[in-house]
Amino acid sequence: MKITTYIISIIALLILIFNISKINFEAPLEGDSHTAVVTSIAAGCAILVATLIRIVKKIELLTKK
């Protein structure tokens, strides 16, 4: 599970970087920039969820001991 969360985080980070490069900062909510903004937010959420899963698993291990 630990390796899976790291792989998900890395893929989401790559998607985030790619989509940030596609955003037109003069009009971020028009055309293709809108899609890039939405997918950037989704990639950020995926990174956050994967990090939370890793933290929960660490807490589980500590409370079992």
PDB file of N, CA and C in Angstrom:
ATOM      1  N   MET A   1       0.826  -1.188   0.000  1.00  0.00           N
ATOM      2  CA  MET A   1       0.000   0.000   0.000  1.00  0.00           C
ATOM      3  C   MET A   1       0.874   1.257   0.000  1.00  0.00           C
ATOM      4  N   LYS A   2       1.986   1.186   0.699  1.00  0.00           N
ATOM      5  CA  LYS A   2       2.870   2.340   0.792  1.00  0.00           C
ATOM      6  C   LYS A   2       3.444   2.706  -0.579  1.00  0.00           C
ATOM      7  N   ILE A   3       3.868   1.693  -1.319  1.00  0.00           N
ATOM      8  CA  ILE A   3       4.435   1.935  -2.645  1.00  0.00           C
ATOM      9  C   ILE A   3       3.356   2.477  -3.581  1.00  0.00           C
ATOM     10  N   THR A   4       2.148   1.962  -3.459  1.00  0.00           N
ATOM     11  CA  THR A   4       1.044   2.414  -4.308  1.00  0.00           C
ATOM     12  C   THR A   4       0.747   3.892  -4.088  1.00  0.00           C
ATOM     13  N   THR A   5       0.742   4.329  -2.840  1.00  0.00           N
ATOM     14  CA  THR A   5       0.464   5.739  -2.568  1.00  0.00           C
ATOM     15  C   THR A   5       1.581   6.634  -3.096  1.00  0.00           C
ATOM     16  N   TYR A   6       2.819   6.157  -3.034  1.00  0.00           N
ATOM     17  CA  TYR A   6       3.919   6.941  -3.598  1.00  0.00           C
ATOM     18  C   TYR A   6       3.804   7.030  -5.122  1.00  0.00           C
ATOM     19  N   ILE A   7       3.423   5.939  -5.767  1.00  0.00           N
ATOM     20  CA  ILE A   7       3.258   5.949  -7.226  1.00  0.00           C
ATOM     21  C   ILE A   7       2.124   6.888  -7.624  1.00  0.00           C
ATOM     22  N   ILE A   8       1.014   6.841  -6.896  1.00  0.00           N
ATOM     23  CA  ILE A   8      -0.109   7.737  -7.178  1.00  0.00           C
ATOM     24  C   ILE A   8       0.309   9.190  -6.995  1.00  0.00           C
ATOM     25  N   SER A   9       1.067   9.466  -5.947  1.00  0.00           N
ATOM     26  CA  SER A   9       1.533  10.833  -5.700  1.00  0.00           C
ATOM     27  C   SER A   9       2.448  11.330  -6.813  1.00  0.00           C
ATOM     28  N   ILE A  10       3.327  10.485  -7.285  1.00  0.00           N
ATOM     29  CA  ILE A  10       4.252  10.880  -8.350  1.00  0.00           C
ATOM     30  C   ILE A  10       3.499  11.141  -9.653  1.00  0.00           C
ATOM     31  N   ILE A  11       2.559  10.264  -9.993  1.00  0.00           N
ATOM     32  CA  ILE A  11       1.766  10.464 -11.215  1.00  0.00           C
ATOM     33  C   ILE A  11       0.936  11.745 -11.114  1.00  0.00           C
ATOM     34  N   ALA A  12       0.315  11.966  -9.950  1.00  0.00           N
ATOM     35  CA  ALA A  12      -0.479  13.176  -9.762  1.00  0.00           C
ATOM     36  C   ALA A  12       0.392  14.426  -9.826  1.00  0.00           C
ATOM     37  N   LEU A  13       1.613  14.352  -9.318  1.00  0.00           N
ATOM     38  CA  LEU A  13       2.525  15.491  -9.383  1.00  0.00           C
ATOM     39  C   LEU A  13       2.907  15.800 -10.824  1.00  0.00           C
ATOM     40  N   LEU A  14       3.149  14.779 -11.611  1.00  0.00           N
ATOM     41  CA  LEU A  14       3.468  14.987 -13.025  1.00  0.00           C
ATOM     42  C   LEU A  14       2.285  15.609 -13.771  1.00  0.00           C
ATOM     43  N   ILE A  15       1.087  15.133 -13.482  1.00  0.00           N
ATOM     44  CA  ILE A  15      -0.107  15.702 -14.101  1.00  0.00           C
ATOM     45  C   ILE A  15      -0.288  17.154 -13.670  1.00  0.00           C
ATOM     46  N   LEU A  16      -0.042  17.430 -12.405  1.00  0.00           N
ATOM     47  CA  LEU A  16      -0.156  18.791 -11.885  1.00  0.00           C
ATOM     48  C   LEU A  16       0.812  19.732 -12.586  1.00  0.00           C
ATOM     49  N   ILE A  17       2.060  19.325 -12.716  1.00  0.00           N
ATOM     50  CA  ILE A  17       3.066  20.160 -13.378  1.00  0.00           C
ATOM     51  C   ILE A  17       2.699  20.397 -14.837  1.00  0.00           C
ATOM     52  N   PHE A  18       2.270  19.331 -15.521  1.00  0.00           N
ATOM     53  CA  PHE A  18       1.883  19.463 -16.928  1.00  0.00           C
ATOM     54  C   PHE A  18       0.728  20.445 -17.093  1.00  0.00           C
ATOM     55  N   ASN A  19      -0.281  20.326 -16.251  1.00  0.00           N
ATOM     56  CA  ASN A  19      -1.457  21.175 -16.396  1.00  0.00           C
ATOM     57  C   ASN A  19      -1.192  22.617 -15.988  1.00  0.00           C
ATOM     58  N   ILE A  20      -0.326  22.831 -15.036  1.00  0.00           N
ATOM     59  CA  ILE A  20       0.018  24.207 -14.673  1.00  0.00           C
ATOM     60  C   ILE A  20       0.714  24.897 -15.836  1.00  0.00           C
ATOM     61  N   SER A  21       1.486  24.147 -16.606  1.00  0.00           N
ATOM     62  CA  SER A  21       2.152  24.748 -17.764  1.00  0.00           C
ATOM     63  C   SER A  21       1.165  25.089 -18.877  1.00  0.00           C
ATOM     64  N   LYS A  22      -0.018  24.487 -18.866  1.00  0.00           N
ATOM     65  CA  LYS A  22      -1.030  24.734 -19.894  1.00  0.00           C
ATOM     66  C   LYS A  22      -1.990  25.875 -19.544  1.00  0.00           C
ATOM     67  N   ILE A  23      -1.917  26.398 -18.324  1.00  0.00           N
ATOM     68  CA  ILE A  23      -2.844  27.440 -17.897  1.00  0.00           C
ATOM     69  C   ILE A  23      -2.425  28.786 -18.481  1.00  0.00           C
ATOM     70  N   ASN A  24      -3.395  29.472 -19.075  1.00  0.00           N
ATOM     71  CA  ASN A  24      -3.195  30.835 -19.546  1.00  0.00           C
ATOM     72  C   ASN A  24      -3.573  31.748 -18.377  1.00  0.00           C
ATOM     73  N   PHE A  25      -2.606  32.374 -17.733  1.00  0.00           N
ATOM     74  CA  PHE A  25      -2.864  33.122 -16.514  1.00  0.00           C
ATOM     75  C   PHE A  25      -3.568  34.458 -16.760  1.00  0.00           C
ATOM     76  N   GLU A  26      -3.676  34.871 -18.015  1.00  0.00           N
ATOM     77  CA  GLU A  26      -4.432  36.084 -18.337  1.00  0.00           C
ATOM     78  C   GLU A  26      -5.933  35.793 -18.357  1.00  0.00           C
ATOM     79  N   ALA A  27      -6.306  34.587 -18.741  1.00  0.00           N
ATOM     80  CA  ALA A  27      -7.712  34.166 -18.750  1.00  0.00           C
ATOM     81  C   ALA A  27      -7.784  32.706 -18.324  1.00  0.00           C
ATOM     82  N   PRO A  28      -7.641  32.442 -17.017  1.00  0.00           N
ATOM     83  CA  PRO A  28      -7.533  31.049 -16.565  1.00  0.00           C
ATOM     84  C   PRO A  28      -8.818  30.226 -16.665  1.00  0.00           C
ATOM     85  N   LEU A  29      -9.962  30.877 -16.819  1.00  0.00           N
ATOM     86  CA  LEU A  29     -11.212  30.116 -16.852  1.00  0.00           C
ATOM     87  C   LEU A  29     -11.861  30.125 -18.228  1.00  0.00           C
ATOM     88  N   GLU A  30     -11.059  30.264 -19.264  1.00  0.00           N
ATOM     89  CA  GLU A  30     -11.592  30.250 -20.622  1.00  0.00           C
ATOM     90  C   GLU A  30     -10.887  29.180 -21.446  1.00  0.00           C
ATOM     91  N   GLY A  31     -11.667  28.436 -22.224  1.00  0.00           N
ATOM     92  CA  GLY A  31     -11.109  27.456 -23.153  1.00  0.00           C
ATOM     93  C   GLY A  31     -10.369  26.319 -22.471  1.00  0.00           C
ATOM     94  N   ASP A  32      -9.192  25.994 -23.049  1.00  0.00           N
ATOM     95  CA  ASP A  32      -8.398  24.881 -22.526  1.00  0.00           C
ATOM     96  C   ASP A  32      -7.814  25.177 -21.148  1.00  0.00           C
ATOM     97  N   SER A  33      -7.679  26.450 -20.812  1.00  0.00           N
ATOM     98  CA  SER A  33      -7.161  26.797 -19.492  1.00  0.00           C
ATOM     99  C   SER A  33      -8.108  26.334 -18.392  1.00  0.00           C
ATOM    100  N   HIS A  34      -9.396  26.378 -18.666  1.00  0.00           N
ATOM    101  CA  HIS A  34     -10.376  25.927 -17.674  1.00  0.00           C
ATOM    102  C   HIS A  34     -10.168  24.455 -17.349  1.00  0.00           C
ATOM    103  N   THR A  35      -9.966  23.652 -18.370  1.00  0.00           N
ATOM    104  CA  THR A  35      -9.714  22.225 -18.174  1.00  0.00           C
ATOM    105  C   THR A  35      -8.420  22.006 -17.395  1.00  0.00           C
ATOM    106  N   ALA A  36      -7.402  22.789 -17.704  1.00  0.00           N
ATOM    107  CA  ALA A  36      -6.126  22.658 -17.008  1.00  0.00           C
ATOM    108  C   ALA A  36      -6.254  23.038 -15.533  1.00  0.00           C
ATOM    109  N   VAL A  37      -7.042  24.058 -15.247  1.00  0.00           N
ATOM    110  CA  VAL A  37      -7.255  24.465 -13.848  1.00  0.00           C
ATOM    111  C   VAL A  37      -7.971  23.364 -13.083  1.00  0.00           C
ATOM    112  N   VAL A  38      -9.014  22.815 -13.674  1.00  0.00           N
ATOM    113  CA  VAL A  38      -9.795  21.773 -12.998  1.00  0.00           C
ATOM    114  C   VAL A  38      -8.946  20.528 -12.755  1.00  0.00           C
ATOM    115  N   THR A  39      -8.186  20.105 -13.755  1.00  0.00           N
ATOM    116  CA  THR A  39      -7.370  18.903 -13.565  1.00  0.00           C
ATOM    117  C   THR A  39      -6.196  19.163 -12.624  1.00  0.00           C
ATOM    118  N   SER A  40      -5.722  20.394 -12.560  1.00  0.00           N
ATOM    119  CA  SER A  40      -4.676  20.728 -11.581  1.00  0.00           C
ATOM    120  C   SER A  40      -5.212  20.608 -10.161  1.00  0.00           C
ATOM    121  N   ILE A  41      -6.422  21.093  -9.955  1.00  0.00           N
ATOM    122  CA  ILE A  41      -7.047  20.970  -8.641  1.00  0.00           C
ATOM    123  C   ILE A  41      -7.275  19.498  -8.292  1.00  0.00           C
ATOM    124  N   ALA A  42      -7.723  18.715  -9.269  1.00  0.00           N
ATOM    125  CA  ALA A  42      -7.953  17.288  -9.033  1.00  0.00           C
ATOM    126  C   ALA A  42      -6.649  16.560  -8.706  1.00  0.00           C
ATOM    127  N   ALA A  43      -5.565  16.919  -9.392  1.00  0.00           N
ATOM    128  CA  ALA A  43      -4.271  16.297  -9.107  1.00  0.00           C
ATOM    129  C   ALA A  43      -3.791  16.673  -7.709  1.00  0.00           C
ATOM    130  N   GLY A  44      -4.013  17.910  -7.317  1.00  0.00           N
ATOM    131  CA  GLY A  44      -3.660  18.327  -5.956  1.00  0.00           C
ATOM    132  C   GLY A  44      -4.436  17.557  -4.907  1.00  0.00           C
ATOM    133  N   CYS A  45      -5.715  17.313  -5.182  1.00  0.00           N
ATOM    134  CA  CYS A  45      -6.537  16.521  -4.263  1.00  0.00           C
ATOM    135  C   CYS A  45      -6.054  15.081  -4.189  1.00  0.00           C
ATOM    136  N   ALA A  46      -5.638  14.527  -5.320  1.00  0.00           N
ATOM    137  CA  ALA A  46      -5.125  13.152  -5.326  1.00  0.00           C
ATOM    138  C   ALA A  46      -3.857  13.037  -4.490  1.00  0.00           C
ATOM    139  N   ILE A  47      -2.988  14.041  -4.589  1.00  0.00           N
ATOM    140  CA  ILE A  47      -1.769  14.046  -3.771  1.00  0.00           C
ATOM    141  C   ILE A  47      -2.132  14.126  -2.292  1.00  0.00           C
ATOM    142  N   LEU A  48      -3.093  14.975  -1.969  1.00  0.00           N
ATOM    143  CA  LEU A  48      -3.527  15.126  -0.583  1.00  0.00           C
ATOM    144  C   LEU A  48      -4.120  13.828  -0.041  1.00  0.00           C
ATOM    145  N   VAL A  49      -4.953  13.166  -0.813  1.00  0.00           N
ATOM    146  CA  VAL A  49      -5.573  11.912  -0.373  1.00  0.00           C
ATOM    147  C   VAL A  49      -4.519  10.824  -0.180  1.00  0.00           C
ATOM    148  N   ALA A  50      -3.581  10.717  -1.103  1.00  0.00           N
ATOM    149  CA  ALA A  50      -2.524   9.707  -0.969  1.00  0.00           C
ATOM    150  C   ALA A  50      -1.675   9.970   0.269  1.00  0.00           C
ATOM    151  N   THR A  51      -1.399  11.234   0.547  1.00  0.00           N
ATOM    152  CA  THR A  51      -0.624  11.583   1.745  1.00  0.00           C
ATOM    153  C   THR A  51      -1.403  11.245   3.013  1.00  0.00           C
ATOM    154  N   LEU A  52      -2.697  11.536   2.999  1.00  0.00           N
ATOM    155  CA  LEU A  52      -3.526  11.208   4.161  1.00  0.00           C
ATOM    156  C   LEU A  52      -3.588   9.706   4.401  1.00  0.00           C
ATOM    157  N   ILE A  53      -3.669   8.930   3.340  1.00  0.00           N
ATOM    158  CA  ILE A  53      -3.681   7.467   3.492  1.00  0.00           C
ATOM    159  C   ILE A  53      -2.384   6.994   4.131  1.00  0.00           C
ATOM    160  N   ARG A  54      -1.247   7.555   3.684  1.00  0.00           N
ATOM    161  CA  ARG A  54       0.037   7.174   4.278  1.00  0.00           C
ATOM    162  C   ARG A  54       0.093   7.533   5.756  1.00  0.00           C
ATOM    163  N   ILE A  55      -0.414   8.700   6.126  1.00  0.00           N
ATOM    164  CA  ILE A  55      -0.406   9.132   7.529  1.00  0.00           C
ATOM    165  C   ILE A  55      -1.308   8.233   8.367  1.00  0.00           C
ATOM    166  N   VAL A  56      -2.486   7.896   7.845  1.00  0.00           N
ATOM    167  CA  VAL A  56      -3.406   7.017   8.577  1.00  0.00           C
ATOM    168  C   VAL A  56      -2.777   5.651   8.816  1.00  0.00           C
ATOM    169  N   LYS A  57      -2.086   5.123   7.829  1.00  0.00           N
ATOM    170  CA  LYS A  57      -1.430   3.814   7.988  1.00  0.00           C
ATOM    171  C   LYS A  57      -0.332   3.875   9.048  1.00  0.00           C
ATOM    172  N   LYS A  58       0.408   5.000   9.091  1.00  0.00           N
ATOM    173  CA  LYS A  58       1.443   5.151  10.134  1.00  0.00           C
ATOM    174  C   LYS A  58       0.810   5.210  11.525  1.00  0.00           C
ATOM    175  N   ILE A  59      -0.299   5.925  11.644  1.00  0.00           N
ATOM    176  CA  ILE A  59      -0.989   6.021  12.922  1.00  0.00           C
ATOM    177  C   ILE A  59      -1.521   4.659  13.340  1.00  0.00           C
ATOM    178  N   GLU A  60      -2.047   3.910  12.383  1.00  0.00           N
ATOM    179  CA  GLU A  60      -2.534   2.551  12.677  1.00  0.00           C
ATOM    180  C   GLU A  60      -1.417   1.677  13.244  1.00  0.00           C
ATOM    181  N   LEU A  61      -0.251   1.743  12.630  1.00  0.00           N
ATOM    182  CA  LEU A  61       0.881   0.936  13.111  1.00  0.00           C
ATOM    183  C   LEU A  61       1.303   1.355  14.510  1.00  0.00           C
ATOM    184  N   LEU A  62       1.298   2.646  14.779  1.00  0.00           N
ATOM    185  CA  LEU A  62       1.693   3.123  16.110  1.00  0.00           C
ATOM    186  C   LEU A  62       0.686   2.764  17.194  1.00  0.00           C
ATOM    187  N   THR A  63      -0.587   2.767  16.863  1.00  0.00           N
ATOM    188  CA  THR A  63      -1.592   2.455  17.878  1.00  0.00           C
ATOM    189  C   THR A  63      -1.693   0.950  18.158  1.00  0.00           C
ATOM    190  N   LYS A  64      -1.273   0.122  17.203  1.00  0.00           N
ATOM    191  CA  LYS A  64      -1.300  -1.333  17.425  1.00  0.00           C
ATOM    192  C   LYS A  64      -0.178  -1.784  18.342  1.00  0.00           C
ATOM    193  N   LYS A  65       0.894  -1.023  18.401  1.00  0.00           N
ATOM    194  CA  LYS A  65       2.047  -1.419  19.227  1.00  0.00           C
ATOM    195  C   LYS A  65       1.827  -1.160  20.679  1.00  0.00           C
TER     196      LYS A  65
END
